[in-house]
Amino acid sequence: MTVKSRAPEDPLRSDDSYRMVLERLTELEGRNQELREELRQSKTDRQYLETQKVRYEREVRKLRSEIEQMRSPPLIVGTIADVIDNTRVVVRSSAGPKFLVRTSQFINADELKPGVRCTMNQQTLAIVEVLPSTYDAQVYGMEVESRPTESYEDIGGLSRQVAELRESIELPLKKPHLFERVGILPPKGILLHGPPGTGKTLLARAVAHETEATFLRVVGSELVQKYIGEGARLVRELFESAKKNAPSIIFIDEIDAIGASRGQETSSGDREVHRTLMQLLADMDGFESRGDVKIIGATNRIDILDMALLRPGRFDRIIEIPLPDTEGRLSILKIHTKRITLADNVDLRRVAEITEGKNGADLAAICMEAGMCAIREERPSVSQNDFEKATRKVISDFERNRMTYSSATGTMFA
């Protein structure tokens, strides 16, 4: 029996096998690391998807609830006129008629007061909810939050009117003890009247700048509303907002839009304007005290205002804002030319003398037009000739517009 001898192993071949095993192990370890990273990413994605699922389910429930609310019939808005007892209330609907309705047991009986707005079921007219006492968005829009930039130094030729305005509006708000010591009531309000462009609105803006009171500005035409009772409600909420934010000042510009003299009403629109005026009269001098609420009215047609609006107790002071005289026009010109580069030959007194009968707005237009003359010729300053040309242009434009208006309307001017 022959025994075969085993050939010796090749050391190089053994090293190759070992190297291959190491490479395979390294490859498997890398693959294992990739799988672990993919698993971790999958868990993160799963958590994100679960979070998104919960959010979307919540949004779906919210949308379904909103759809159900939209499918439900709308509620009628009404105003409580009288409270009979805890379960029965007389309500005036938005359409006009009154109803004796019952209230829900979930409504607090203390909230049921005359004048409070509520919502009613469309079929049974039962009160479902008491609405919060919020003011109209238009009333909030009337409030001046930022102080105007104009001050008393920007007003020329009206020193007496400024003094009366300050002692009628500012003094009662800043130093009420002076009136208590003397034993008189401070003026409740003042009326500014005069030709257009004489500075009535500018005076009111200066008051808003100087005082720290809440300033509410409204144009008379804004109080005229389309539906019956809306204008009176707006006036009522305006005064309620002023009382809530007292001390405050209410400035009614162009008050003749609602304050015209009452006569024979010819249309429902005239009657509605008169209802708004009567609400304004009641709030200005009614049974309830206004507190630290002052009123400033402005108009250029005092001749058509209702006498009930002009009597003391509503407007205690009536201040006329006339056309400025020569000294007044000179002070106005100095104010408007403070920032204008003037030539050495400019004589503002001469300009004031040749602008007889012009108001503050006309003088501001003359200063602007004089500056435009210098700009057209690219000169660095405004000369006396520029002011004279600007004065002639503004006067001729005014005369031309007046003649056009006269021919169109048949109105004769003096």
Protein backbone atom coordinates (compact mmCIF):
# COMPACT_ATOMS: atom_id res chain seq x y z
CA MET A 1 0.00 0.00 0.00
CA THR A 2 1.40 3.19 -1.14
CA VAL A 3 0.79 6.35 0.95
CA LYS A 4 0.67 9.54 -1.01
CA SER A 5 2.43 12.42 0.58
CA ARG A 6 0.36 15.77 0.90
CA ALA A 7 1.84 18.66 -0.93
CA PRO A 8 2.79 21.62 1.26
CA GLU A 9 0.31 24.63 1.23
CA ASP A 10 1.21 27.67 -0.77
CA PRO A 11 1.59 30.62 1.63
CA LEU A 12 0.68 33.12 -1.10
CA ARG A 13 -2.59 31.28 -1.83
CA SER A 14 -3.52 31.31 1.89
CA ASP A 15 -2.95 35.08 2.10
CA ASP A 16 -5.27 35.66 -0.88
CA SER A 17 -8.07 33.73 0.81
CA TYR A 18 -7.64 35.72 4.01
CA ARG A 19 -7.67 38.96 2.11
CA MET A 20 -10.85 37.95 0.30
CA VAL A 21 -12.52 37.10 3.58
CA LEU A 22 -11.57 40.47 5.04
CA GLU A 23 -12.90 42.29 1.99
CA ARG A 24 -16.14 40.36 2.20
CA LEU A 25 -16.48 41.13 5.90
CA THR A 26 -15.80 44.81 5.24
CA GLU A 27 -18.38 44.81 2.48
CA LEU A 28 -20.93 43.14 4.72
CA GLU A 29 -20.20 45.60 7.55
CA GLY A 30 -20.74 48.54 5.18
CA ARG A 31 -23.95 47.02 3.90
CA ASN A 32 -25.07 46.44 7.51
CA GLN A 33 -24.36 50.10 8.30
CA GLU A 34 -26.42 51.20 5.28
CA LEU A 35 -29.32 49.00 6.38
CA ARG A 36 -29.17 50.47 9.87
CA GLU A 37 -29.25 54.01 8.42
CA GLU A 38 -32.18 53.07 6.17
CA LEU A 39 -34.00 51.60 9.17
CA ARG A 40 -33.42 54.73 11.21
CA GLN A 41 -34.65 56.88 8.32
CA SER A 42 -37.69 54.65 7.93
CA LYS A 43 -38.54 55.09 11.61
CA THR A 44 -38.17 58.87 11.27
CA ASP A 45 -40.38 58.89 8.17
CA ARG A 46 -42.92 56.74 9.97
CA GLN A 47 -43.08 59.16 12.92
CA TYR A 48 -43.45 62.11 10.53
CA LEU A 49 -46.23 60.33 8.63
CA GLU A 50 -48.03 59.52 11.86
CA THR A 51 -47.79 63.17 12.91
CA GLN A 52 -49.08 64.29 9.53
CA LYS A 53 -51.90 61.77 9.77
CA VAL A 54 -53.00 63.15 13.14
CA ARG A 55 -52.83 66.72 11.80
CA TYR A 56 -54.81 65.88 8.68
CA GLU A 57 -57.39 63.96 10.71
CA ARG A 58 -57.80 67.00 12.95
CA GLU A 59 -58.15 69.26 9.91
CA VAL A 60 -60.70 66.92 8.36
CA ARG A 61 -62.76 67.01 11.56
CA LYS A 62 -62.54 70.81 11.58
CA LEU A 63 -63.65 71.02 7.94
CA ARG A 64 -66.52 68.61 8.56
CA SER A 65 -67.62 70.71 11.52
CA GLU A 66 -67.45 73.84 9.39
CA ILE A 67 -69.48 72.14 6.66
CA GLU A 68 -72.14 71.20 9.23
CA GLN A 69 -72.24 74.78 10.47
CA MET A 70 -72.62 76.06 6.91
CA ARG A 71 -75.43 73.61 6.30
CA SER A 72 -77.32 74.85 9.37
CA PRO A 73 -79.78 77.71 8.72
CA PRO A 74 -78.51 81.25 9.38
CA LEU A 75 -79.42 83.09 12.58
CA ILE A 76 -81.38 86.34 12.67
CA VAL A 77 -79.74 89.32 14.33
CA GLY A 78 -82.01 91.30 16.64
CA THR A 79 -81.94 93.83 19.46
CA ILE A 80 -83.47 93.28 22.89
CA ALA A 81 -86.20 95.89 23.45
CA ASP A 82 -87.54 94.78 26.84
CA VAL A 83 -86.98 91.95 29.36
CA ILE A 84 -90.18 90.38 30.72
CA ASP A 85 -88.52 87.75 32.94
CA ASN A 86 -85.60 85.30 32.84
CA THR A 87 -87.16 83.25 30.03
CA ARG A 88 -89.18 85.78 28.00
CA VAL A 89 -87.81 88.77 26.14
CA VAL A 90 -89.22 91.31 23.67
CA VAL A 91 -86.87 91.45 20.68
CA ARG A 92 -86.85 93.73 17.65
CA SER A 93 -85.57 91.88 14.62
CA SER A 94 -83.37 93.41 11.95
CA ALA A 95 -86.38 93.48 9.62
CA GLY A 96 -88.27 95.82 11.95
CA PRO A 97 -91.13 94.04 13.82
CA LYS A 98 -91.01 93.09 17.50
CA PHE A 99 -91.50 89.57 18.88
CA LEU A 100 -91.99 88.08 22.33
CA VAL A 101 -89.51 85.18 22.34
CA ARG A 102 -88.01 82.74 24.79
CA THR A 103 -84.36 82.38 25.67
CA SER A 104 -82.08 79.40 25.93
CA GLN A 105 -81.37 78.05 29.39
CA PHE A 106 -77.64 78.29 28.67
CA ILE A 107 -77.76 82.10 28.37
CA ASN A 108 -76.83 84.13 31.42
CA ALA A 109 -79.88 86.13 32.50
CA ASP A 110 -77.65 89.06 33.56
CA GLU A 111 -76.62 89.55 29.93
CA LEU A 112 -80.21 90.13 28.82
CA LYS A 113 -80.54 93.92 28.86
CA PRO A 114 -82.42 96.37 26.62
CA GLY A 115 -80.27 97.50 23.71
CA VAL A 116 -78.11 94.36 23.64
CA ARG A 117 -77.80 92.65 20.25
CA CYS A 118 -78.53 88.94 19.98
CA THR A 119 -79.02 86.13 17.48
CA MET A 120 -82.32 84.25 17.09
CA ASN A 121 -83.33 80.93 15.60
CA GLN A 122 -84.79 81.39 12.15
CA GLN A 123 -87.86 79.23 12.82
CA THR A 124 -88.69 79.64 16.51
CA LEU A 125 -87.04 83.09 16.95
CA ALA A 126 -85.68 81.90 20.29
CA ILE A 127 -82.58 83.73 21.47
CA VAL A 128 -79.56 81.52 20.82
CA GLU A 129 -76.65 83.80 21.69
CA VAL A 130 -75.98 87.26 23.11
CA LEU A 131 -73.53 89.15 20.90
CA PRO A 132 -70.63 91.01 22.52
CA SER A 133 -70.91 94.78 22.73
CA THR A 134 -68.46 95.69 19.98
CA TYR A 135 -68.40 98.91 18.04
CA ASP A 136 -68.79 99.28 14.30
CA ALA A 137 -65.56 98.94 12.32
CA GLN A 138 -66.30 102.35 10.82
CA VAL A 139 -66.21 103.87 14.31
CA TYR A 140 -62.79 102.33 14.93
CA GLY A 141 -61.67 103.78 11.60
CA MET A 142 -62.56 107.26 12.83
CA GLU A 143 -60.11 107.15 15.72
CA VAL A 144 -56.79 108.90 15.13
CA GLU A 145 -54.10 106.69 16.66
CA SER A 146 -51.06 108.72 15.66
CA ARG A 147 -50.73 112.39 16.54
CA PRO A 148 -50.94 114.80 13.60
CA THR A 149 -47.77 116.77 12.89
CA GLU A 150 -49.46 120.18 12.75
CA SER A 151 -49.18 122.41 15.83
CA TYR A 152 -50.33 125.90 16.80
CA GLU A 153 -47.08 127.29 15.38
CA ASP A 154 -48.28 126.19 11.92
CA ILE A 155 -51.36 128.43 12.13
CA GLY A 156 -51.02 132.07 11.16
CA GLY A 157 -53.34 135.01 11.67
CA LEU A 158 -55.70 133.24 14.09
CA SER A 159 -54.20 134.06 17.48
CA ARG A 160 -57.56 134.99 19.05
CA GLN A 161 -59.26 131.87 17.70
CA VAL A 162 -56.41 129.66 18.89
CA ALA A 163 -56.66 131.18 22.39
CA GLU A 164 -60.42 130.50 22.54
CA LEU A 165 -59.91 126.98 21.26
CA ARG A 166 -57.26 126.19 23.84
CA GLU A 167 -59.26 127.52 26.79
CA SER A 168 -62.38 125.67 25.61
CA ILE A 169 -60.84 122.26 24.81
CA GLU A 170 -57.36 121.91 26.30
CA LEU A 171 -57.85 123.72 29.59
CA PRO A 172 -60.82 121.60 30.83
CA LEU A 173 -58.91 118.39 30.00
CA LYS A 174 -55.55 119.42 31.47
CA LYS A 175 -56.59 121.69 34.38
CA PRO A 176 -60.17 120.85 35.43
CA HIS A 177 -59.49 122.10 38.98
CA LEU A 178 -59.56 125.69 37.72
CA PHE A 179 -63.20 125.33 36.70
CA GLU A 180 -64.08 123.55 39.96
CA ARG A 181 -62.49 126.33 41.98
CA VAL A 182 -64.45 129.04 40.17
CA GLY A 183 -67.63 126.93 40.23
CA ILE A 184 -68.54 126.84 36.52
CA LEU A 185 -68.92 124.04 34.03
CA PRO A 186 -66.40 124.00 31.17
CA PRO A 187 -67.66 124.42 27.59
CA LYS A 188 -68.94 121.17 26.14
CA GLY A 189 -68.05 121.93 22.57
CA ILE A 190 -67.21 124.59 20.02
CA LEU A 191 -68.26 125.22 16.44
CA LEU A 192 -65.77 126.55 13.91
CA HIS A 193 -67.34 128.31 10.94
CA GLY A 194 -66.00 130.40 8.12
CA PRO A 195 -65.20 130.38 4.39
CA PRO A 196 -63.45 127.34 2.87
CA GLY A 197 -59.68 127.17 3.22
CA THR A 198 -59.40 129.38 6.31
CA GLY A 199 -57.91 126.68 8.58
CA LYS A 200 -60.82 125.07 10.45
CA THR A 201 -59.56 121.51 9.97
CA LEU A 202 -56.00 122.68 10.62
CA LEU A 203 -57.10 124.01 14.03
CA ALA A 204 -58.66 120.66 14.90
CA ARG A 205 -55.47 118.82 13.86
CA ALA A 206 -53.43 121.19 16.02
CA VAL A 207 -55.66 120.37 19.00
CA ALA A 208 -55.11 116.66 18.35
CA HIS A 209 -51.37 117.29 18.32
CA GLU A 210 -51.25 119.33 21.53
CA THR A 211 -53.61 117.28 23.70
CA GLU A 212 -53.12 113.72 24.92
CA ALA A 213 -56.81 112.89 24.58
CA THR A 214 -58.19 110.32 22.16
CA PHE A 215 -59.09 112.10 18.92
CA LEU A 216 -61.98 110.82 16.78
CA ARG A 217 -62.51 112.51 13.42
CA VAL A 218 -65.64 111.97 11.33
CA VAL A 219 -67.03 113.73 8.28
CA GLY A 220 -70.72 114.55 8.52
CA SER A 221 -71.53 112.62 5.35
CA GLU A 222 -70.14 109.41 6.91
CA LEU A 223 -72.98 109.49 9.43
CA VAL A 224 -75.59 109.29 6.65
CA GLN A 225 -76.26 105.60 6.08
CA LYS A 226 -78.41 103.70 3.62
CA TYR A 227 -80.68 101.76 5.97
CA ILE A 228 -83.09 103.14 8.53
CA GLY A 229 -81.54 103.50 11.97
CA GLU A 230 -77.96 102.78 10.87
CA GLY A 231 -76.89 106.42 10.99
CA ALA A 232 -78.34 106.88 14.48
CA ARG A 233 -76.63 103.68 15.64
CA LEU A 234 -73.32 104.93 14.25
CA VAL A 235 -73.69 108.22 16.15
CA ARG A 236 -74.56 106.32 19.33
CA GLU A 237 -71.56 104.03 19.02
CA LEU A 238 -69.30 107.00 18.24
CA PHE A 239 -70.19 108.65 21.54
CA GLU A 240 -69.97 105.35 23.42
CA SER A 241 -66.48 104.82 22.05
CA ALA A 242 -65.53 108.37 23.04
CA LYS A 243 -66.82 107.81 26.59
CA LYS A 244 -64.97 104.52 26.85
CA ASN A 245 -61.68 106.15 25.79
CA ALA A 246 -62.17 109.41 27.72
CA PRO A 247 -60.68 111.97 27.84
CA SER A 248 -61.47 112.29 24.16
CA ILE A 249 -62.32 114.82 21.45
CA ILE A 250 -64.88 114.24 18.68
CA PHE A 251 -64.25 116.34 15.58
CA ILE A 252 -67.21 116.45 13.14
CA ASP A 253 -66.09 118.04 9.90
CA GLU A 254 -68.69 119.37 7.44
CA ILE A 255 -71.38 119.04 10.10
CA ASP A 256 -73.90 120.74 7.79
CA ALA A 257 -74.21 117.37 5.96
CA ILE A 258 -76.45 116.13 8.79
CA GLY A 259 -77.14 119.33 10.73
CA ALA A 260 -79.21 121.21 8.17
CA SER A 261 -82.35 122.92 9.43
CA ARG A 262 -85.31 120.58 9.69
CA GLY A 263 -88.36 121.41 7.62
CA GLN A 264 -90.97 119.60 5.61
CA GLU A 265 -89.45 116.23 4.76
CA THR A 266 -89.90 115.40 1.11
CA SER A 267 -88.38 111.92 0.99
CA SER A 268 -87.46 109.00 3.20
CA GLY A 269 -83.80 109.97 2.79
CA ASP A 270 -84.42 113.39 4.33
CA ARG A 271 -86.29 111.81 7.21
CA GLU A 272 -83.41 109.42 7.85
CA VAL A 273 -80.92 112.31 7.92
CA HIS A 274 -83.14 114.07 10.45
CA ARG A 275 -83.27 110.93 12.60
CA THR A 276 -79.47 110.90 12.62
CA LEU A 277 -79.48 114.60 13.58
CA MET A 278 -81.89 113.96 16.45
CA GLN A 279 -79.64 111.18 17.75
CA LEU A 280 -76.68 113.57 17.55
CA LEU A 281 -78.63 116.22 19.48
CA ALA A 282 -79.58 113.71 22.16
CA ASP A 283 -76.00 112.49 22.60
CA MET A 284 -74.58 116.02 22.67
CA ASP A 285 -76.93 117.22 25.43
CA GLY A 286 -79.09 114.39 26.74
CA PHE A 287 -79.92 112.95 30.13
CA GLU A 288 -76.57 111.18 30.48
CA SER A 289 -73.41 113.12 31.21
CA ARG A 290 -70.73 112.99 28.52
CA GLY A 291 -67.87 113.27 30.99
CA ASP A 292 -64.52 114.26 29.52
CA VAL A 293 -65.79 114.17 25.93
CA LYS A 294 -65.41 117.40 23.97
CA ILE A 295 -66.93 118.13 20.56
CA ILE A 296 -65.53 120.29 17.77
CA GLY A 297 -67.71 120.98 14.76
CA ALA A 298 -66.64 122.65 11.52
CA THR A 299 -68.74 124.07 8.70
CA ASN A 300 -68.71 126.78 6.04
CA ARG A 301 -72.53 126.92 5.91
CA ILE A 302 -73.58 128.00 9.39
CA ASP A 303 -76.61 129.72 7.84
CA ILE A 304 -78.33 126.39 7.11
CA LEU A 305 -77.64 124.69 10.46
CA ASP A 306 -80.57 123.75 12.70
CA MET A 307 -81.12 126.14 15.62
CA ALA A 308 -81.27 123.20 18.06
CA LEU A 309 -77.69 122.41 17.12
CA LEU A 310 -76.47 125.97 17.70
CA ARG A 311 -77.92 126.57 21.15
CA PRO A 312 -75.66 126.66 24.25
CA GLY A 313 -75.31 123.29 25.91
CA ARG A 314 -74.37 121.67 22.63
CA PHE A 315 -71.98 124.20 21.12
CA ASP A 316 -71.22 126.61 23.94
CA ARG A 317 -68.84 128.61 21.80
CA ILE A 318 -69.22 129.53 18.15
CA ILE A 319 -65.90 130.75 16.74
CA GLU A 320 -65.73 132.47 13.37
CA ILE A 321 -62.65 131.77 11.25
CA PRO A 322 -62.56 134.77 8.87
CA LEU A 323 -60.43 135.47 5.84
CA PRO A 324 -57.01 136.70 7.03
CA ASP A 325 -56.13 140.38 6.95
CA THR A 326 -52.77 141.71 5.73
CA GLU A 327 -50.93 140.81 8.94
CA GLY A 328 -52.57 137.41 8.99
CA ARG A 329 -51.60 136.73 5.37
CA LEU A 330 -48.03 137.81 6.17
CA SER A 331 -47.80 135.35 9.07
CA ILE A 332 -49.25 132.57 6.88
CA LEU A 333 -46.72 133.31 4.15
CA LYS A 334 -43.90 133.18 6.67
CA ILE A 335 -45.08 129.74 7.80
CA HIS A 336 -45.32 128.36 4.24
CA THR A 337 -41.92 129.79 3.21
CA LYS A 338 -39.96 128.47 6.19
CA ARG A 339 -38.45 125.67 4.09
CA ILE A 340 -38.29 127.60 0.81
CA THR A 341 -34.98 129.13 -0.31
CA LEU A 342 -35.85 132.79 -0.87
CA ALA A 343 -33.85 135.33 -2.83
CA ASP A 344 -32.71 138.54 -1.18
CA ASN A 345 -35.25 140.65 -3.09
CA VAL A 346 -38.33 138.78 -1.77
CA ASP A 347 -40.74 141.06 0.08
CA LEU A 348 -43.42 138.90 1.74
CA ARG A 349 -45.31 141.95 2.97
CA ARG A 350 -45.72 143.06 -0.65
CA VAL A 351 -47.06 139.58 -1.48
CA ALA A 352 -49.47 139.82 1.45
CA GLU A 353 -50.75 143.19 0.21
CA ILE A 354 -51.47 142.00 -3.34
CA THR A 355 -53.34 138.87 -2.17
CA GLU A 356 -56.31 140.71 -0.64
CA GLY A 357 -59.27 138.35 -0.08
CA LYS A 358 -57.24 135.14 -0.32
CA ASN A 359 -57.39 132.41 2.31
CA GLY A 360 -54.69 130.19 3.77
CA ALA A 361 -55.16 127.52 1.11
CA ASP A 362 -54.71 130.10 -1.66
CA LEU A 363 -51.51 131.40 -0.04
CA ALA A 364 -50.14 127.85 0.24
CA ALA A 365 -50.89 127.36 -3.48
CA ILE A 366 -49.12 130.65 -4.32
CA CYS A 367 -45.98 129.56 -2.42
CA MET A 368 -45.97 126.20 -4.22
CA GLU A 369 -46.49 127.81 -7.63
CA ALA A 370 -43.67 130.31 -6.96
CA GLY A 371 -41.37 127.40 -6.17
CA MET A 372 -42.41 125.70 -9.41
CA CYS A 373 -41.44 128.85 -11.36
CA ALA A 374 -37.91 128.64 -9.95
CA ILE A 375 -37.71 124.90 -10.66
CA ARG A 376 -38.74 125.38 -14.31
CA GLU A 377 -35.79 127.73 -14.83
CA GLU A 378 -33.51 125.59 -12.62
CA ARG A 379 -32.74 128.44 -10.25
CA PRO A 380 -31.63 127.68 -6.65
CA SER A 381 -33.94 130.26 -5.01
CA VAL A 382 -37.38 131.84 -5.39
CA SER A 383 -37.50 135.51 -6.37
CA GLN A 384 -40.06 138.27 -5.93
CA ASN A 385 -41.00 137.99 -9.59
CA ASP A 386 -41.85 134.30 -9.04
CA PHE A 387 -44.29 135.23 -6.27
CA GLU A 388 -45.95 137.89 -8.42
CA LYS A 389 -46.35 135.49 -11.37
CA ALA A 390 -47.68 132.79 -9.04
CA THR A 391 -50.17 135.25 -7.54
CA ARG A 392 -51.49 136.24 -10.97
CA LYS A 393 -51.81 132.59 -12.00
CA VAL A 394 -53.69 131.50 -8.86
CA ILE A 395 -56.04 134.50 -9.07
CA SER A 396 -56.74 133.93 -12.79
CA ASP A 397 -57.36 130.21 -12.20
CA PHE A 398 -59.81 131.04 -9.42
CA GLU A 399 -61.66 133.58 -11.56
CA ARG A 400 -61.85 131.15 -14.48
CA ASN A 401 -63.20 128.36 -12.29
CA ARG A 402 -65.73 130.74 -10.72
CA MET A 403 -67.01 131.84 -14.13
CA THR A 404 -67.27 128.21 -15.27
CA TYR A 405 -69.27 127.33 -12.15
CA SER A 406 -71.51 130.41 -12.60
CA SER A 407 -72.33 129.55 -16.20
CA ALA A 408 -73.04 125.91 -15.34
CA THR A 409 -75.28 126.55 -12.33
CA GLY A 410 -76.63 130.03 -12.95
CA THR A 411 -75.18 131.24 -9.63
CA MET A 412 -74.14 134.86 -9.36
CA PHE A 413 -71.13 135.84 -7.25
CA ALA A 414 -70.53 139.23 -5.74
